[in-house]
Structures are given as structure tokens and as C-alpha cells.
PDB file of all heavy atoms in Angstrom:
ATOM      1  N   GLY A   1     -30.188  -4.722 -36.627  1.00  0.00           N
ATOM      2  CA  GLY A   1     -30.359  -6.128 -36.247  1.00  0.00           C
ATOM      3  C   GLY A   1     -30.103  -6.355 -34.775  1.00  0.00           C
ATOM      4  O   GLY A   1     -30.833  -7.084 -34.104  1.00  0.00           O
ATOM      5  N   THR A   2     -29.040  -5.706 -34.265  1.00  0.00           N
ATOM      6  CA  THR A   2     -28.746  -5.818 -32.831  1.00  0.00           C
ATOM      7  C   THR A   2     -29.855  -5.198 -31.994  1.00  0.00           C
ATOM      8  O   THR A   2     -30.276  -5.760 -30.968  1.00  0.00           O
ATOM      9  CB  THR A   2     -27.407  -5.131 -32.516  1.00  0.00           C
ATOM     10  OG1 THR A   2     -26.367  -5.745 -33.286  1.00  0.00           O
ATOM     11  CG2 THR A   2     -27.077  -5.251 -31.038  1.00  0.00           C
ATOM     12  N   ALA A   3     -30.351  -4.032 -32.432  1.00  0.00           N
ATOM     13  CA  ALA A   3     -31.405  -3.347 -31.684  1.00  0.00           C
ATOM     14  C   ALA A   3     -32.685  -4.168 -31.649  1.00  0.00           C
ATOM     15  O   ALA A   3     -33.349  -4.261 -30.610  1.00  0.00           O
ATOM     16  CB  ALA A   3     -31.668  -1.969 -32.298  1.00  0.00           C
ATOM     17  N   ILE A   4     -33.045  -4.774 -32.778  1.00  0.00           N
ATOM     18  CA  ILE A   4     -34.259  -5.599 -32.822  1.00  0.00           C
ATOM     19  C   ILE A   4     -34.101  -6.828 -31.936  1.00  0.00           C
ATOM     20  O   ILE A   4     -35.039  -7.234 -31.239  1.00  0.00           O
ATOM     21  CB  ILE A   4     -34.598  -5.993 -34.265  1.00  0.00           C
ATOM     22  CG1 ILE A   4     -35.075  -4.758 -35.045  1.00  0.00           C
ATOM     23  CG2 ILE A   4     -35.669  -7.075 -34.301  1.00  0.00           C
ATOM     24  CD1 ILE A   4     -35.382  -5.025 -36.495  1.00  0.00           C
ATOM     25  N   SER A   5     -32.900  -7.424 -31.927  1.00  0.00           N
ATOM     26  CA  SER A   5     -32.665  -8.583 -31.055  1.00  0.00           C
ATOM     27  C   SER A   5     -32.785  -8.188 -29.588  1.00  0.00           C
ATOM     28  O   SER A   5     -33.376  -8.928 -28.784  1.00  0.00           O
ATOM     29  CB  SER A   5     -31.284  -9.181 -31.337  1.00  0.00           C
ATOM     30  OG  SER A   5     -31.216  -9.727 -32.629  1.00  0.00           O
ATOM     31  N   LEU A   6     -32.229  -7.012 -29.225  1.00  0.00           N
ATOM     32  CA  LEU A   6     -32.354  -6.544 -27.844  1.00  0.00           C
ATOM     33  C   LEU A   6     -33.804  -6.216 -27.506  1.00  0.00           C
ATOM     34  O   LEU A   6     -34.265  -6.482 -26.389  1.00  0.00           O
ATOM     35  CB  LEU A   6     -31.467  -5.320 -27.629  1.00  0.00           C
ATOM     36  CG  LEU A   6     -29.954  -5.575 -27.656  1.00  0.00           C
ATOM     37  CD1 LEU A   6     -29.190  -4.260 -27.646  1.00  0.00           C
ATOM     38  CD2 LEU A   6     -29.549  -6.450 -26.480  1.00  0.00           C
ATOM     39  N   TRP A   7     -34.517  -5.627 -28.470  1.00  0.00           N
ATOM     40  CA  TRP A   7     -35.949  -5.347 -28.269  1.00  0.00           C
ATOM     41  C   TRP A   7     -36.711  -6.646 -28.030  1.00  0.00           C
ATOM     42  O   TRP A   7     -37.552  -6.729 -27.122  1.00  0.00           O
ATOM     43  CB  TRP A   7     -36.494  -4.619 -29.486  1.00  0.00           C
ATOM     44  CG  TRP A   7     -37.976  -4.420 -29.486  1.00  0.00           C
ATOM     45  CD1 TRP A   7     -38.669  -3.387 -28.943  1.00  0.00           C
ATOM     46  CD2 TRP A   7     -38.958  -5.283 -30.078  1.00  0.00           C
ATOM     47  NE1 TRP A   7     -40.019  -3.547 -29.142  1.00  0.00           N
ATOM     48  CE2 TRP A   7     -40.225  -4.707 -29.841  1.00  0.00           C
ATOM     49  CE3 TRP A   7     -38.894  -6.479 -30.787  1.00  0.00           C
ATOM     50  CZ2 TRP A   7     -41.406  -5.284 -30.285  1.00  0.00           C
ATOM     51  CZ3 TRP A   7     -40.062  -7.067 -31.229  1.00  0.00           C
ATOM     52  CH2 TRP A   7     -41.303  -6.462 -30.980  1.00  0.00           C
ATOM     53  N   ALA A   8     -36.424  -7.658 -28.846  1.00  0.00           N
ATOM     54  CA  ALA A   8     -37.096  -8.945 -28.677  1.00  0.00           C
ATOM     55  C   ALA A   8     -36.720  -9.589 -27.345  1.00  0.00           C
ATOM     56  O   ALA A   8     -37.560 -10.213 -26.683  1.00  0.00           O
ATOM     57  CB  ALA A   8     -36.737  -9.875 -29.838  1.00  0.00           C
ATOM     58  N   PHE A   9     -35.456  -9.434 -26.959  1.00  0.00           N
ATOM     59  CA  PHE A   9     -35.030  -9.984 -25.671  1.00  0.00           C
ATOM     60  C   PHE A   9     -35.815  -9.347 -24.530  1.00  0.00           C
ATOM     61  O   PHE A   9     -36.237 -10.029 -23.586  1.00  0.00           O
ATOM     62  CB  PHE A   9     -33.535  -9.748 -25.475  1.00  0.00           C
ATOM     63  CG  PHE A   9     -33.007 -10.238 -24.153  1.00  0.00           C
ATOM     64  CD1 PHE A   9     -32.724 -11.574 -23.957  1.00  0.00           C
ATOM     65  CD2 PHE A   9     -32.813  -9.360 -23.098  1.00  0.00           C
ATOM     66  CE1 PHE A   9     -32.241 -12.035 -22.736  1.00  0.00           C
ATOM     67  CE2 PHE A   9     -32.336  -9.799 -21.875  1.00  0.00           C
ATOM     68  CZ  PHE A   9     -32.045 -11.140 -21.699  1.00  0.00           C
ATOM     69  N   CYS A  10     -36.023  -8.026 -24.607  1.00  0.00           N
ATOM     70  CA  CYS A  10     -36.813  -7.347 -23.574  1.00  0.00           C
ATOM     71  C   CYS A  10     -38.259  -7.824 -23.588  1.00  0.00           C
ATOM     72  O   CYS A  10     -38.868  -8.057 -22.537  1.00  0.00           O
ATOM     73  CB  CYS A  10     -36.760  -5.838 -23.782  1.00  0.00           C
ATOM     74  SG  CYS A  10     -35.158  -5.099 -23.428  1.00  0.00           S
ATOM     75  N   ALA A  11     -38.819  -7.962 -24.797  1.00  0.00           N
ATOM     76  CA  ALA A  11     -40.209  -8.383 -24.908  1.00  0.00           C
ATOM     77  C   ALA A  11     -40.415  -9.765 -24.296  1.00  0.00           C
ATOM     78  O   ALA A  11     -41.346  -9.986 -23.511  1.00  0.00           O
ATOM     79  CB  ALA A  11     -40.645  -8.371 -26.366  1.00  0.00           C
ATOM     80  N   PHE A  12     -39.545 -10.688 -24.654  1.00  0.00           N
ATOM     81  CA  PHE A  12     -39.733 -12.056 -24.195  1.00  0.00           C
ATOM     82  C   PHE A  12     -39.107 -12.291 -22.827  1.00  0.00           C
ATOM     83  O   PHE A  12     -39.536 -13.173 -22.090  1.00  0.00           O
ATOM     84  CB  PHE A  12     -39.166 -13.022 -25.237  1.00  0.00           C
ATOM     85  CG  PHE A  12     -39.798 -12.845 -26.585  1.00  0.00           C
ATOM     86  CD1 PHE A  12     -39.019 -12.632 -27.710  1.00  0.00           C
ATOM     87  CD2 PHE A  12     -41.166 -12.860 -26.742  1.00  0.00           C
ATOM     88  CE1 PHE A  12     -39.599 -12.451 -28.954  1.00  0.00           C
ATOM     89  CE2 PHE A  12     -41.757 -12.679 -27.978  1.00  0.00           C
ATOM     90  CZ  PHE A  12     -40.974 -12.474 -29.090  1.00  0.00           C
ATOM     91  N   GLY A  13     -38.077 -11.488 -22.494  1.00  0.00           N
ATOM     92  CA  GLY A  13     -37.571 -11.545 -21.124  1.00  0.00           C
ATOM     93  C   GLY A  13     -38.612 -11.070 -20.134  1.00  0.00           C
ATOM     94  O   GLY A  13     -38.705 -11.574 -19.015  1.00  0.00           O
ATOM     95  N   GLY A  14     -39.429 -10.081 -20.554  1.00  0.00           N
ATOM     96  CA  GLY A  14     -40.536  -9.646 -19.718  1.00  0.00           C
ATOM     97  C   GLY A  14     -41.540 -10.748 -19.487  1.00  0.00           C
ATOM     98  O   GLY A  14     -42.160 -10.837 -18.421  1.00  0.00           O
ATOM     99  N   THR A  15     -41.708 -11.599 -20.500  1.00  0.00           N
ATOM    100  CA  THR A  15     -42.585 -12.753 -20.337  1.00  0.00           C
ATOM    101  C   THR A  15     -42.063 -13.688 -19.250  1.00  0.00           C
ATOM    102  O   THR A  15     -42.846 -14.301 -18.517  1.00  0.00           O
ATOM    103  CB  THR A  15     -42.698 -13.520 -21.668  1.00  0.00           C
ATOM    104  OG1 THR A  15     -43.132 -12.620 -22.698  1.00  0.00           O
ATOM    105  CG2 THR A  15     -43.694 -14.659 -21.561  1.00  0.00           C
ATOM    106  N   ALA A  16     -40.734 -13.786 -19.154  1.00  0.00           N
ATOM    107  CA  ALA A  16     -40.148 -14.621 -18.104  1.00  0.00           C
ATOM    108  C   ALA A  16     -40.275 -13.966 -16.734  1.00  0.00           C
ATOM    109  O   ALA A  16     -40.562 -14.631 -15.730  1.00  0.00           O
ATOM    110  CB  ALA A  16     -38.670 -14.888 -18.417  1.00  0.00           C
ATOM    111  N   LEU A  17     -40.045 -12.654 -16.677  1.00  0.00           N
ATOM    112  CA  LEU A  17     -40.098 -11.959 -15.391  1.00  0.00           C
ATOM    113  C   LEU A  17     -41.527 -11.750 -14.913  1.00  0.00           C
ATOM    114  O   LEU A  17     -41.765 -11.653 -13.706  1.00  0.00           O
ATOM    115  CB  LEU A  17     -39.399 -10.606 -15.503  1.00  0.00           C
ATOM    116  CG  LEU A  17     -37.881 -10.638 -15.667  1.00  0.00           C
ATOM    117  CD1 LEU A  17     -37.347  -9.232 -15.887  1.00  0.00           C
ATOM    118  CD2 LEU A  17     -37.226 -11.282 -14.467  1.00  0.00           C
ATOM    119  N   GLY A  18     -42.481 -11.665 -15.846  1.00  0.00           N
ATOM    120  CA  GLY A  18     -43.871 -11.425 -15.470  1.00  0.00           C
ATOM    121  C   GLY A  18     -44.405 -12.411 -14.449  1.00  0.00           C
ATOM    122  O   GLY A  18     -44.919 -12.006 -13.394  1.00  0.00           O
ATOM    123  N   PRO A  19     -44.299 -13.726 -14.720  1.00  0.00           N
ATOM    124  CA  PRO A  19     -44.783 -14.686 -13.721  1.00  0.00           C
ATOM    125  C   PRO A  19     -44.026 -14.626 -12.403  1.00  0.00           C
ATOM    126  O   PRO A  19     -44.613 -14.829 -11.339  1.00  0.00           O
ATOM    127  CB  PRO A  19     -44.568 -16.040 -14.423  1.00  0.00           C
ATOM    128  CG  PRO A  19     -44.545 -15.729 -15.867  1.00  0.00           C
ATOM    129  CD  PRO A  19     -43.910 -14.377 -15.972  1.00  0.00           C
ATOM    130  N   VAL A  20     -42.712 -14.344 -12.473  1.00  0.00           N
ATOM    131  CA  VAL A  20     -41.923 -14.291 -11.240  1.00  0.00           C
ATOM    132  C   VAL A  20     -42.357 -13.125 -10.368  1.00  0.00           C
ATOM    133  O   VAL A  20     -42.679 -13.276  -9.184  1.00  0.00           O
ATOM    134  CB  VAL A  20     -40.422 -14.188 -11.578  1.00  0.00           C
ATOM    135  CG1 VAL A  20     -39.613 -14.056 -10.289  1.00  0.00           C
ATOM    136  CG2 VAL A  20     -39.963 -15.402 -12.363  1.00  0.00           C
ATOM    137  N   VAL A  21     -42.375 -11.925 -10.984  1.00  0.00           N
ATOM    138  CA  VAL A  21     -42.771 -10.734 -10.235  1.00  0.00           C
ATOM    139  C   VAL A  21     -44.238 -10.831  -9.826  1.00  0.00           C
ATOM    140  O   VAL A  21     -44.619 -10.499  -8.693  1.00  0.00           O
ATOM    141  CB  VAL A  21     -42.518  -9.467 -11.070  1.00  0.00           C
ATOM    142  CG1 VAL A  21     -42.986  -8.225 -10.320  1.00  0.00           C
ATOM    143  CG2 VAL A  21     -41.043  -9.351 -11.418  1.00  0.00           C
ATOM    144  N   GLY A  22     -45.082 -11.307 -10.747  1.00  0.00           N
ATOM    145  CA  GLY A  22     -46.497 -11.455 -10.427  1.00  0.00           C
ATOM    146  C   GLY A  22     -46.729 -12.442  -9.299  1.00  0.00           C
ATOM    147  O   GLY A  22     -47.574 -12.217  -8.422  1.00  0.00           O
ATOM    148  N   GLY A  23     -45.969 -13.540  -9.303  1.00  0.00           N
ATOM    149  CA  GLY A  23     -46.115 -14.520  -8.230  1.00  0.00           C
ATOM    150  C   GLY A  23     -45.723 -13.962  -6.874  1.00  0.00           C
ATOM    151  O   GLY A  23     -46.380 -14.224  -5.862  1.00  0.00           O
ATOM    152  N   ILE A  24     -44.648 -13.174  -6.849  1.00  0.00           N
ATOM    153  CA  ILE A  24     -44.229 -12.549  -5.589  1.00  0.00           C
ATOM    154  C   ILE A  24     -45.300 -11.578  -5.087  1.00  0.00           C
ATOM    155  O   ILE A  24     -45.632 -11.540  -3.893  1.00  0.00           O
ATOM    156  CB  ILE A  24     -42.882 -11.835  -5.772  1.00  0.00           C
ATOM    157  CG1 ILE A  24     -41.783 -12.862  -6.070  1.00  0.00           C
ATOM    158  CG2 ILE A  24     -42.527 -11.015  -4.534  1.00  0.00           C
ATOM    159  CD1 ILE A  24     -40.446 -12.252  -6.428  1.00  0.00           C
ATOM    160  N   LEU A  25     -45.848 -10.781  -6.001  1.00  0.00           N
ATOM    161  CA  LEU A  25     -46.891  -9.836  -5.609  1.00  0.00           C
ATOM    162  C   LEU A  25     -48.121 -10.561  -5.076  1.00  0.00           C
ATOM    163  O   LEU A  25     -48.706 -10.157  -4.064  1.00  0.00           O
ATOM    164  CB  LEU A  25     -47.266  -8.956  -6.802  1.00  0.00           C
ATOM    165  CG  LEU A  25     -46.235  -7.911  -7.236  1.00  0.00           C
ATOM    166  CD1 LEU A  25     -46.689  -7.218  -8.507  1.00  0.00           C
ATOM    167  CD2 LEU A  25     -46.000  -6.896  -6.131  1.00  0.00           C
ATOM    168  N   LEU A  26     -48.517 -11.640  -5.761  1.00  0.00           N
ATOM    169  CA  LEU A  26     -49.703 -12.377  -5.331  1.00  0.00           C
ATOM    170  C   LEU A  26     -49.480 -13.081  -3.994  1.00  0.00           C
ATOM    171  O   LEU A  26     -50.433 -13.366  -3.269  1.00  0.00           O
ATOM    172  CB  LEU A  26     -50.108 -13.397  -6.397  1.00  0.00           C
ATOM    173  CG  LEU A  26     -50.672 -12.807  -7.701  1.00  0.00           C
ATOM    174  CD1 LEU A  26     -50.817 -13.890  -8.759  1.00  0.00           C
ATOM    175  CD2 LEU A  26     -52.019 -12.136  -7.443  1.00  0.00           C
ATOM    176  N   GLN A  27     -48.224 -13.363  -3.703  1.00  0.00           N
ATOM    177  CA  GLN A  27     -47.919 -14.010  -2.440  1.00  0.00           C
ATOM    178  C   GLN A  27     -48.140 -13.057  -1.259  1.00  0.00           C
ATOM    179  O   GLN A  27     -48.479 -13.489  -0.156  1.00  0.00           O
ATOM    180  CB  GLN A  27     -46.462 -14.495  -2.446  1.00  0.00           C
ATOM    181  CG  GLN A  27     -46.075 -15.355  -1.262  1.00  0.00           C
ATOM    182  CD  GLN A  27     -46.672 -16.755  -1.354  1.00  0.00           C
ATOM    183  OE1 GLN A  27     -47.147 -17.168  -2.403  1.00  0.00           O
ATOM    184  NE2 GLN A  27     -46.650 -17.471  -0.237  1.00  0.00           N
ATOM    185  N   HIS A  28     -47.980 -11.748  -1.517  1.00  0.00           N
ATOM    186  CA  HIS A  28     -48.026 -10.767  -0.431  1.00  0.00           C
ATOM    187  C   HIS A  28     -49.178  -9.769  -0.563  1.00  0.00           C
ATOM    188  O   HIS A  28     -49.516  -9.110   0.426  1.00  0.00           O
ATOM    189  CB  HIS A  28     -46.703 -10.003  -0.359  1.00  0.00           C
ATOM    190  CG  HIS A  28     -45.507 -10.872  -0.102  1.00  0.00           C
ATOM    191  ND1 HIS A  28     -45.197 -11.379   1.138  1.00  0.00           N
ATOM    192  CD2 HIS A  28     -44.552 -11.356  -0.945  1.00  0.00           C
ATOM    193  CE1 HIS A  28     -44.100 -12.116   1.074  1.00  0.00           C
ATOM    194  NE2 HIS A  28     -43.682 -12.116  -0.181  1.00  0.00           N
ATOM    195  N   PHE A  29     -49.745  -9.621  -1.749  1.00  0.00           N
ATOM    196  CA  PHE A  29     -50.799  -8.637  -1.952  1.00  0.00           C
ATOM    197  C   PHE A  29     -51.978  -9.275  -2.683  1.00  0.00           C
ATOM    198  O   PHE A  29     -51.956 -10.464  -2.975  1.00  0.00           O
ATOM    199  CB  PHE A  29     -50.266  -7.434  -2.747  1.00  0.00           C
ATOM    200  CG  PHE A  29     -49.056  -6.782  -2.134  1.00  0.00           C
ATOM    201  CD1 PHE A  29     -47.789  -7.046  -2.623  1.00  0.00           C
ATOM    202  CD2 PHE A  29     -49.184  -5.911  -1.059  1.00  0.00           C
ATOM    203  CE1 PHE A  29     -46.666  -6.449  -2.066  1.00  0.00           C
ATOM    204  CE2 PHE A  29     -48.074  -5.312  -0.493  1.00  0.00           C
ATOM    205  CZ  PHE A  29     -46.811  -5.588  -0.996  1.00  0.00           C
ATOM    206  N   TRP A  30     -52.996  -8.446  -2.967  1.00  0.00           N
ATOM    207  CA  TRP A  30     -54.180  -8.960  -3.653  1.00  0.00           C
ATOM    208  C   TRP A  30     -53.939  -9.018  -5.151  1.00  0.00           C
ATOM    209  O   TRP A  30     -52.951  -8.479  -5.669  1.00  0.00           O
ATOM    210  CB  TRP A  30     -55.385  -8.115  -3.275  1.00  0.00           C
ATOM    211  CG  TRP A  30     -55.721  -6.931  -4.148  1.00  0.00           C
ATOM    212  CD1 TRP A  30     -56.841  -6.764  -4.885  1.00  0.00           C
ATOM    213  CD2 TRP A  30     -54.954  -5.742  -4.355  1.00  0.00           C
ATOM    214  NE1 TRP A  30     -56.832  -5.560  -5.538  1.00  0.00           N
ATOM    215  CE2 TRP A  30     -55.673  -4.910  -5.225  1.00  0.00           C
ATOM    216  CE3 TRP A  30     -53.706  -5.294  -3.899  1.00  0.00           C
ATOM    217  CZ2 TRP A  30     -55.205  -3.669  -5.651  1.00  0.00           C
ATOM    218  CZ3 TRP A  30     -53.226  -4.057  -4.310  1.00  0.00           C
ATOM    219  CH2 TRP A  30     -53.982  -3.268  -5.171  1.00  0.00           C
ATOM    220  N   TRP A  31     -54.849  -9.672  -5.879  1.00  0.00           N
ATOM    221  CA  TRP A  31     -54.628  -9.918  -7.304  1.00  0.00           C
ATOM    222  C   TRP A  31     -54.484  -8.636  -8.118  1.00  0.00           C
ATOM    223  O   TRP A  31     -53.809  -8.624  -9.158  1.00  0.00           O
ATOM    224  CB  TRP A  31     -55.773 -10.753  -7.875  1.00  0.00           C
ATOM    225  CG  TRP A  31     -57.154 -10.163  -7.690  1.00  0.00           C
ATOM    226  CD1 TRP A  31     -58.043 -10.465  -6.708  1.00  0.00           C
ATOM    227  CD2 TRP A  31     -57.781  -9.165  -8.514  1.00  0.00           C
ATOM    228  NE1 TRP A  31     -59.189  -9.718  -6.860  1.00  0.00           N
ATOM    229  CE2 TRP A  31     -59.055  -8.921  -7.969  1.00  0.00           C
ATOM    230  CE3 TRP A  31     -57.402  -8.464  -9.644  1.00  0.00           C
ATOM    231  CZ2 TRP A  31     -59.943  -7.998  -8.522  1.00  0.00           C
ATOM    232  CZ3 TRP A  31     -58.279  -7.546 -10.206  1.00  0.00           C
ATOM    233  CH2 TRP A  31     -59.531  -7.322  -9.645  1.00  0.00           C
TER     234      TRP A  31
END
């Protein structure tokens, strides 16, 4: 149960980091 919760946290935490990291990249590099 703990492992699945951590797995889900990574999956959905990546959803949060994706726009942030992607936005920084798009600010300085091409799409």
C-alpha cells in the first residue's frame, strides 16, 4: 500500500513538475 501510494505520488507529482520544467525549457529553448 505504501509502495503504490509512493508510485502514485511520483506519477502525479510528475504531472505537476512537467509544466514547470517544460515551461522553463520553452522559455530558453525550442519546443
